[in-house]
């Protein structure tokens, strides 16, 4: 599977976001790629408190944050930049990493959503 990526938001323009859990979260970048014939819009966030050894936020606590990020960040971004996509991926990593780079020490959480009438519908993994 070949991925064609388009960087929409550069990492140098990261934005802090307030989420329900109160953890610090920052938008790292937005990527667009094709997966199995669908367009995926990837919103990559840095969330240091999800680190497995030193973090205070687990995947259950991060779930509402990810749904919030889809509604409050991804949906308005998609509308503002007139993007079209089939799947919205909200990901959290405890540190910055290049997309697709392997780092066995990094903690990452992912959730998939579809946008329906400007509402994020959880796809579940």
N, C-alpha and C. Protein backbone atom coordinates (compact mmCIF):
# COMPACT_ATOMS: atom_id res chain seq x y z
N UNK A 1 0.85 -1.17 0.00
CA UNK A 1 0.00 0.00 0.00
C UNK A 1 0.89 1.24 0.00
N UNK A 2 0.73 2.05 -0.98
CA UNK A 2 1.51 3.28 -1.11
C UNK A 2 0.71 4.45 -0.54
N UNK A 3 1.35 5.24 0.31
CA UNK A 3 0.69 6.38 0.92
C UNK A 3 1.14 7.66 0.23
N UNK A 4 0.19 8.46 -0.16
CA UNK A 4 0.49 9.80 -0.69
C UNK A 4 0.07 10.80 0.37
N UNK A 5 1.02 11.50 0.93
CA UNK A 5 0.74 12.42 2.03
C UNK A 5 0.82 13.86 1.58
N UNK A 6 -0.09 14.65 2.07
CA UNK A 6 -0.05 16.10 1.87
C UNK A 6 -0.06 16.74 3.24
N UNK A 7 0.95 17.53 3.55
CA UNK A 7 1.01 18.19 4.83
C UNK A 7 0.19 19.47 4.76
N UNK A 8 -0.87 19.54 5.57
CA UNK A 8 -1.77 20.68 5.56
C UNK A 8 -1.35 21.70 6.61
N UNK A 9 -0.93 21.23 7.77
CA UNK A 9 -0.53 22.12 8.86
C UNK A 9 0.86 21.71 9.29
N UNK A 10 1.81 22.59 9.18
CA UNK A 10 3.20 22.27 9.53
C UNK A 10 3.35 22.15 11.04
N UNK A 11 4.27 21.33 11.45
CA UNK A 11 4.53 21.13 12.87
C UNK A 11 4.96 22.42 13.56
N UNK A 12 5.53 23.33 12.83
CA UNK A 12 6.00 24.57 13.42
C UNK A 12 4.86 25.50 13.80
N UNK A 13 3.64 25.19 13.38
CA UNK A 13 2.50 26.04 13.72
C UNK A 13 1.59 25.33 14.72
N UNK A 14 2.18 24.55 15.61
CA UNK A 14 1.42 23.77 16.57
C UNK A 14 0.51 24.67 17.41
N UNK A 15 -0.65 24.12 17.77
CA UNK A 15 -1.63 24.86 18.53
C UNK A 15 -2.02 24.08 19.78
N UNK A 16 -2.05 24.76 20.93
CA UNK A 16 -2.50 24.13 22.17
C UNK A 16 -4.03 24.06 22.15
N UNK A 17 -4.57 22.99 22.72
CA UNK A 17 -6.01 22.77 22.75
C UNK A 17 -6.41 22.37 24.17
N UNK A 18 -7.48 22.97 24.69
CA UNK A 18 -8.04 22.58 25.99
C UNK A 18 -9.00 21.42 25.77
N UNK A 19 -8.80 20.32 26.51
CA UNK A 19 -9.63 19.13 26.37
C UNK A 19 -10.31 18.81 27.70
N UNK A 20 -11.37 17.98 27.69
CA UNK A 20 -12.13 17.69 28.91
C UNK A 20 -11.29 17.18 30.09
N UNK A 21 -10.28 16.35 29.84
CA UNK A 21 -9.49 15.81 30.95
C UNK A 21 -8.57 16.85 31.59
N UNK A 22 -8.34 17.95 30.90
CA UNK A 22 -7.44 18.96 31.41
C UNK A 22 -5.98 18.74 31.06
N UNK A 23 -5.67 17.62 30.42
CA UNK A 23 -4.28 17.36 30.05
C UNK A 23 -3.83 18.34 28.97
N UNK A 24 -2.55 18.67 28.93
CA UNK A 24 -2.06 19.54 27.85
C UNK A 24 -2.00 18.77 26.54
N UNK A 25 -2.63 19.31 25.51
CA UNK A 25 -2.66 18.68 24.19
C UNK A 25 -2.35 19.75 23.16
N UNK A 26 -1.53 19.39 22.19
CA UNK A 26 -1.10 20.32 21.15
C UNK A 26 -1.24 19.66 19.79
N UNK A 27 -1.85 20.36 18.84
CA UNK A 27 -1.96 19.85 17.47
C UNK A 27 -0.59 19.91 16.82
N UNK A 28 -0.08 18.76 16.42
CA UNK A 28 1.24 18.69 15.77
C UNK A 28 1.10 18.95 14.27
N UNK A 29 0.16 18.24 13.62
CA UNK A 29 0.02 18.38 12.18
C UNK A 29 -1.26 17.70 11.72
N UNK A 30 -1.64 18.04 10.50
CA UNK A 30 -2.77 17.40 9.83
C UNK A 30 -2.23 16.81 8.53
N UNK A 31 -2.55 15.55 8.30
CA UNK A 31 -2.09 14.85 7.10
C UNK A 31 -3.29 14.32 6.34
N UNK A 32 -3.15 14.23 5.03
CA UNK A 32 -4.18 13.64 4.18
C UNK A 32 -3.52 12.50 3.42
N UNK A 33 -4.14 11.31 3.47
CA UNK A 33 -3.59 10.20 2.69
C UNK A 33 -4.71 9.26 2.27
N UNK A 34 -4.36 8.33 1.43
CA UNK A 34 -5.30 7.34 0.89
C UNK A 34 -5.02 5.99 1.55
N UNK A 35 -6.09 5.37 2.06
CA UNK A 35 -6.00 4.04 2.65
C UNK A 35 -7.15 3.21 2.08
N UNK A 36 -6.82 2.16 1.37
CA UNK A 36 -7.83 1.26 0.79
C UNK A 36 -8.91 2.02 0.01
N UNK A 37 -8.49 2.99 -0.77
CA UNK A 37 -9.41 3.74 -1.62
C UNK A 37 -10.19 4.83 -0.91
N UNK A 38 -9.93 5.06 0.38
CA UNK A 38 -10.61 6.12 1.12
C UNK A 38 -9.61 7.22 1.47
N UNK A 39 -10.11 8.45 1.56
CA UNK A 39 -9.27 9.56 1.99
C UNK A 39 -9.35 9.66 3.51
N UNK A 40 -8.19 9.60 4.14
CA UNK A 40 -8.09 9.71 5.59
C UNK A 40 -7.49 11.07 5.94
N UNK A 41 -8.15 11.77 6.83
CA UNK A 41 -7.66 13.04 7.35
C UNK A 41 -7.13 12.77 8.75
N UNK A 42 -5.83 12.88 8.91
CA UNK A 42 -5.17 12.52 10.17
C UNK A 42 -4.83 13.79 10.96
N UNK A 43 -5.40 13.88 12.14
CA UNK A 43 -5.10 14.99 13.05
C UNK A 43 -4.22 14.42 14.15
N UNK A 44 -2.95 14.81 14.14
CA UNK A 44 -1.95 14.25 15.06
C UNK A 44 -1.70 15.24 16.20
N UNK A 45 -1.94 14.77 17.42
CA UNK A 45 -1.78 15.60 18.61
C UNK A 45 -0.68 15.05 19.50
N UNK A 46 -0.01 15.96 20.20
CA UNK A 46 0.98 15.59 21.21
C UNK A 46 0.29 15.74 22.57
N UNK A 47 0.36 14.69 23.38
CA UNK A 47 -0.26 14.66 24.70
C UNK A 47 0.70 13.96 25.67
N UNK A 48 1.65 14.70 26.25
CA UNK A 48 2.68 14.08 27.09
C UNK A 48 2.16 13.27 28.27
N UNK A 49 0.97 13.58 28.76
CA UNK A 49 0.46 12.87 29.94
C UNK A 49 -0.08 11.47 29.64
N UNK A 50 0.00 11.03 28.38
CA UNK A 50 -0.39 9.64 28.09
C UNK A 50 0.80 8.69 28.14
N UNK A 51 1.99 9.20 28.43
CA UNK A 51 3.19 8.35 28.48
C UNK A 51 2.96 7.18 29.43
N UNK A 52 3.30 5.99 28.99
CA UNK A 52 2.94 4.79 29.77
C UNK A 52 3.63 4.72 31.13
N UNK A 53 4.83 5.24 31.27
CA UNK A 53 5.55 5.13 32.55
C UNK A 53 5.38 6.35 33.45
N UNK A 54 5.14 7.50 32.87
CA UNK A 54 5.10 8.72 33.67
C UNK A 54 3.80 9.50 33.52
N UNK A 55 2.91 9.05 32.68
CA UNK A 55 1.68 9.78 32.40
C UNK A 55 0.58 9.56 33.42
N UNK A 56 -0.39 10.46 33.41
CA UNK A 56 -1.52 10.39 34.33
C UNK A 56 -2.83 10.08 33.59
N UNK A 57 -2.80 10.00 32.26
CA UNK A 57 -4.00 9.82 31.46
C UNK A 57 -3.90 8.48 30.72
N UNK A 58 -4.90 7.60 30.94
CA UNK A 58 -4.90 6.33 30.22
C UNK A 58 -5.85 6.43 29.02
N UNK A 59 -5.98 5.34 28.28
CA UNK A 59 -6.78 5.37 27.05
C UNK A 59 -8.26 5.62 27.34
N UNK A 60 -8.76 5.15 28.47
CA UNK A 60 -10.17 5.39 28.81
C UNK A 60 -10.40 6.87 29.07
N UNK A 61 -9.49 7.51 29.81
CA UNK A 61 -9.61 8.95 30.09
C UNK A 61 -9.42 9.78 28.82
N UNK A 62 -8.59 9.29 27.90
CA UNK A 62 -8.31 10.03 26.67
C UNK A 62 -9.43 9.93 25.65
N UNK A 63 -10.31 8.94 25.79
CA UNK A 63 -11.40 8.75 24.83
C UNK A 63 -12.28 9.99 24.65
N UNK A 64 -12.80 10.57 25.74
CA UNK A 64 -13.61 11.79 25.58
C UNK A 64 -12.80 12.96 25.00
N UNK A 65 -11.51 13.01 25.32
CA UNK A 65 -10.66 14.05 24.74
C UNK A 65 -10.58 13.91 23.23
N UNK A 66 -10.47 12.68 22.76
CA UNK A 66 -10.35 12.45 21.33
C UNK A 66 -11.64 12.79 20.60
N UNK A 67 -12.78 12.45 21.19
CA UNK A 67 -14.07 12.83 20.60
C UNK A 67 -14.20 14.35 20.57
N UNK A 68 -13.79 15.01 21.65
CA UNK A 68 -13.82 16.46 21.72
C UNK A 68 -12.93 17.07 20.63
N UNK A 69 -11.73 16.51 20.44
CA UNK A 69 -10.81 17.03 19.43
C UNK A 69 -11.39 16.90 18.03
N UNK A 70 -12.12 15.84 17.79
CA UNK A 70 -12.76 15.68 16.49
C UNK A 70 -13.79 16.79 16.28
N UNK A 71 -14.64 17.00 17.28
CA UNK A 71 -15.71 18.01 17.18
C UNK A 71 -15.18 19.44 17.18
N UNK A 72 -14.23 19.73 18.08
CA UNK A 72 -13.79 21.12 18.30
C UNK A 72 -12.63 21.56 17.42
N UNK A 73 -11.84 20.60 16.93
CA UNK A 73 -10.67 20.95 16.12
C UNK A 73 -10.83 20.45 14.69
N UNK A 74 -11.03 19.13 14.53
CA UNK A 74 -11.04 18.54 13.19
C UNK A 74 -12.20 19.04 12.34
N UNK A 75 -13.42 18.98 12.86
CA UNK A 75 -14.59 19.38 12.05
C UNK A 75 -14.49 20.84 11.58
N UNK A 76 -14.16 21.80 12.47
CA UNK A 76 -14.01 23.19 11.99
C UNK A 76 -12.85 23.35 10.99
N UNK A 77 -11.76 22.61 11.22
CA UNK A 77 -10.60 22.69 10.33
C UNK A 77 -10.99 22.20 8.93
N UNK A 78 -11.71 21.08 8.89
CA UNK A 78 -12.14 20.50 7.62
C UNK A 78 -13.03 21.49 6.87
N UNK A 79 -13.94 22.13 7.59
CA UNK A 79 -14.83 23.12 6.97
C UNK A 79 -14.04 24.34 6.50
N UNK A 80 -13.14 24.83 7.34
CA UNK A 80 -12.37 26.03 7.00
C UNK A 80 -11.53 25.84 5.74
N UNK A 81 -10.90 24.67 5.63
CA UNK A 81 -10.02 24.41 4.49
C UNK A 81 -10.71 23.64 3.37
N UNK A 82 -12.01 23.45 3.50
CA UNK A 82 -12.82 22.78 2.49
C UNK A 82 -12.24 21.43 2.08
N UNK A 83 -11.84 20.66 3.09
CA UNK A 83 -11.30 19.33 2.86
C UNK A 83 -12.44 18.33 2.71
N UNK A 84 -12.18 17.29 1.96
CA UNK A 84 -13.12 16.18 1.90
C UNK A 84 -12.37 14.92 2.26
N UNK A 85 -13.01 14.10 3.04
CA UNK A 85 -12.37 12.86 3.46
C UNK A 85 -13.42 11.87 3.91
N UNK A 86 -13.03 10.62 3.95
CA UNK A 86 -13.93 9.57 4.36
C UNK A 86 -13.79 9.25 5.85
N UNK A 87 -12.57 9.32 6.34
CA UNK A 87 -12.27 8.94 7.71
C UNK A 87 -11.45 10.05 8.36
N UNK A 88 -11.79 10.36 9.60
CA UNK A 88 -10.98 11.29 10.40
C UNK A 88 -10.28 10.44 11.45
N UNK A 89 -8.96 10.56 11.51
CA UNK A 89 -8.18 9.85 12.52
C UNK A 89 -7.70 10.89 13.52
N UNK A 90 -8.05 10.69 14.77
CA UNK A 90 -7.53 11.52 15.85
C UNK A 90 -6.49 10.66 16.55
N UNK A 91 -5.25 11.12 16.59
CA UNK A 91 -4.22 10.36 17.28
C UNK A 91 -3.55 11.24 18.32
N UNK A 92 -3.14 10.60 19.40
CA UNK A 92 -2.37 11.25 20.46
C UNK A 92 -1.09 10.46 20.64
N UNK A 93 0.01 11.19 20.77
CA UNK A 93 1.31 10.58 21.05
C UNK A 93 1.91 11.31 22.24
N UNK A 94 2.69 10.60 23.02
CA UNK A 94 3.29 11.26 24.18
C UNK A 94 4.48 12.14 23.80
N UNK A 95 4.90 12.06 22.53
CA UNK A 95 6.03 12.88 22.06
C UNK A 95 5.91 13.06 20.55
N UNK A 96 6.66 14.00 20.03
CA UNK A 96 6.69 14.23 18.58
C UNK A 96 7.41 13.08 17.90
N UNK A 97 6.88 12.73 16.75
CA UNK A 97 7.52 11.70 15.92
C UNK A 97 7.10 11.93 14.48
N UNK A 98 7.97 11.59 13.59
CA UNK A 98 7.64 11.66 12.18
C UNK A 98 6.57 10.60 11.88
N UNK A 99 5.62 10.94 11.04
CA UNK A 99 4.55 10.02 10.71
C UNK A 99 5.14 8.73 10.14
N UNK A 100 4.71 7.60 10.68
CA UNK A 100 5.15 6.30 10.20
C UNK A 100 6.45 5.80 10.79
N UNK A 101 7.16 6.64 11.56
CA UNK A 101 8.41 6.22 12.17
C UNK A 101 8.14 5.33 13.38
N UNK A 102 8.88 4.26 13.49
CA UNK A 102 8.72 3.33 14.61
C UNK A 102 9.47 3.84 15.83
N UNK A 103 8.81 3.81 16.98
CA UNK A 103 9.42 4.17 18.25
C UNK A 103 8.75 3.32 19.32
N UNK A 104 9.35 2.19 19.69
CA UNK A 104 8.70 1.27 20.62
C UNK A 104 8.47 1.86 22.01
N UNK A 105 9.14 2.94 22.36
CA UNK A 105 8.95 3.56 23.66
C UNK A 105 7.83 4.60 23.68
N UNK A 106 7.33 4.95 22.51
CA UNK A 106 6.30 5.97 22.41
C UNK A 106 4.92 5.37 22.70
N UNK A 107 4.10 6.14 23.41
CA UNK A 107 2.70 5.76 23.64
C UNK A 107 1.84 6.51 22.63
N UNK A 108 0.93 5.79 21.98
CA UNK A 108 0.02 6.40 21.02
C UNK A 108 -1.38 5.84 21.21
N UNK A 109 -2.38 6.71 21.06
CA UNK A 109 -3.78 6.32 21.04
C UNK A 109 -4.37 6.80 19.73
N UNK A 110 -5.29 6.02 19.17
CA UNK A 110 -5.95 6.36 17.91
C UNK A 110 -7.45 6.13 18.03
N UNK A 111 -8.22 7.00 17.41
CA UNK A 111 -9.66 6.79 17.26
C UNK A 111 -10.05 7.22 15.85
N UNK A 112 -11.01 6.50 15.27
CA UNK A 112 -11.50 6.81 13.94
C UNK A 112 -12.92 7.37 14.03
N UNK A 113 -13.18 8.36 13.20
CA UNK A 113 -14.49 8.99 13.15
C UNK A 113 -14.88 9.20 11.69
N UNK A 114 -16.16 9.34 11.46
CA UNK A 114 -16.68 9.80 10.18
C UNK A 114 -17.49 11.04 10.47
N UNK A 115 -17.43 11.99 9.55
CA UNK A 115 -18.15 13.25 9.71
C UNK A 115 -19.50 13.14 9.02
N UNK A 116 -20.58 13.39 9.77
CA UNK A 116 -21.93 13.34 9.24
C UNK A 116 -22.67 14.59 9.71
N UNK A 117 -23.02 15.47 8.76
CA UNK A 117 -23.68 16.74 9.10
C UNK A 117 -22.90 17.53 10.15
N UNK A 118 -21.59 17.61 9.96
CA UNK A 118 -20.69 18.36 10.86
C UNK A 118 -20.60 17.76 12.25
N UNK A 119 -20.99 16.51 12.40
CA UNK A 119 -20.89 15.80 13.69
C UNK A 119 -19.97 14.62 13.52
N UNK A 120 -19.06 14.45 14.47
CA UNK A 120 -18.13 13.33 14.43
C UNK A 120 -18.82 12.08 14.99
N UNK A 121 -18.84 11.04 14.17
CA UNK A 121 -19.42 9.75 14.55
C UNK A 121 -18.27 8.78 14.78
N UNK A 122 -18.17 8.25 15.99
CA UNK A 122 -17.09 7.34 16.35
C UNK A 122 -17.22 6.05 15.59
N UNK A 123 -16.13 5.60 14.99
CA UNK A 123 -16.10 4.35 14.22
C UNK A 123 -15.69 3.16 15.09
N UNK A 124 -15.00 3.41 16.17
CA UNK A 124 -14.54 2.31 17.03
C UNK A 124 -13.46 1.50 16.36
N UNK A 125 -12.50 1.10 17.11
CA UNK A 125 -11.40 0.28 16.59
C UNK A 125 -11.51 -1.13 17.08
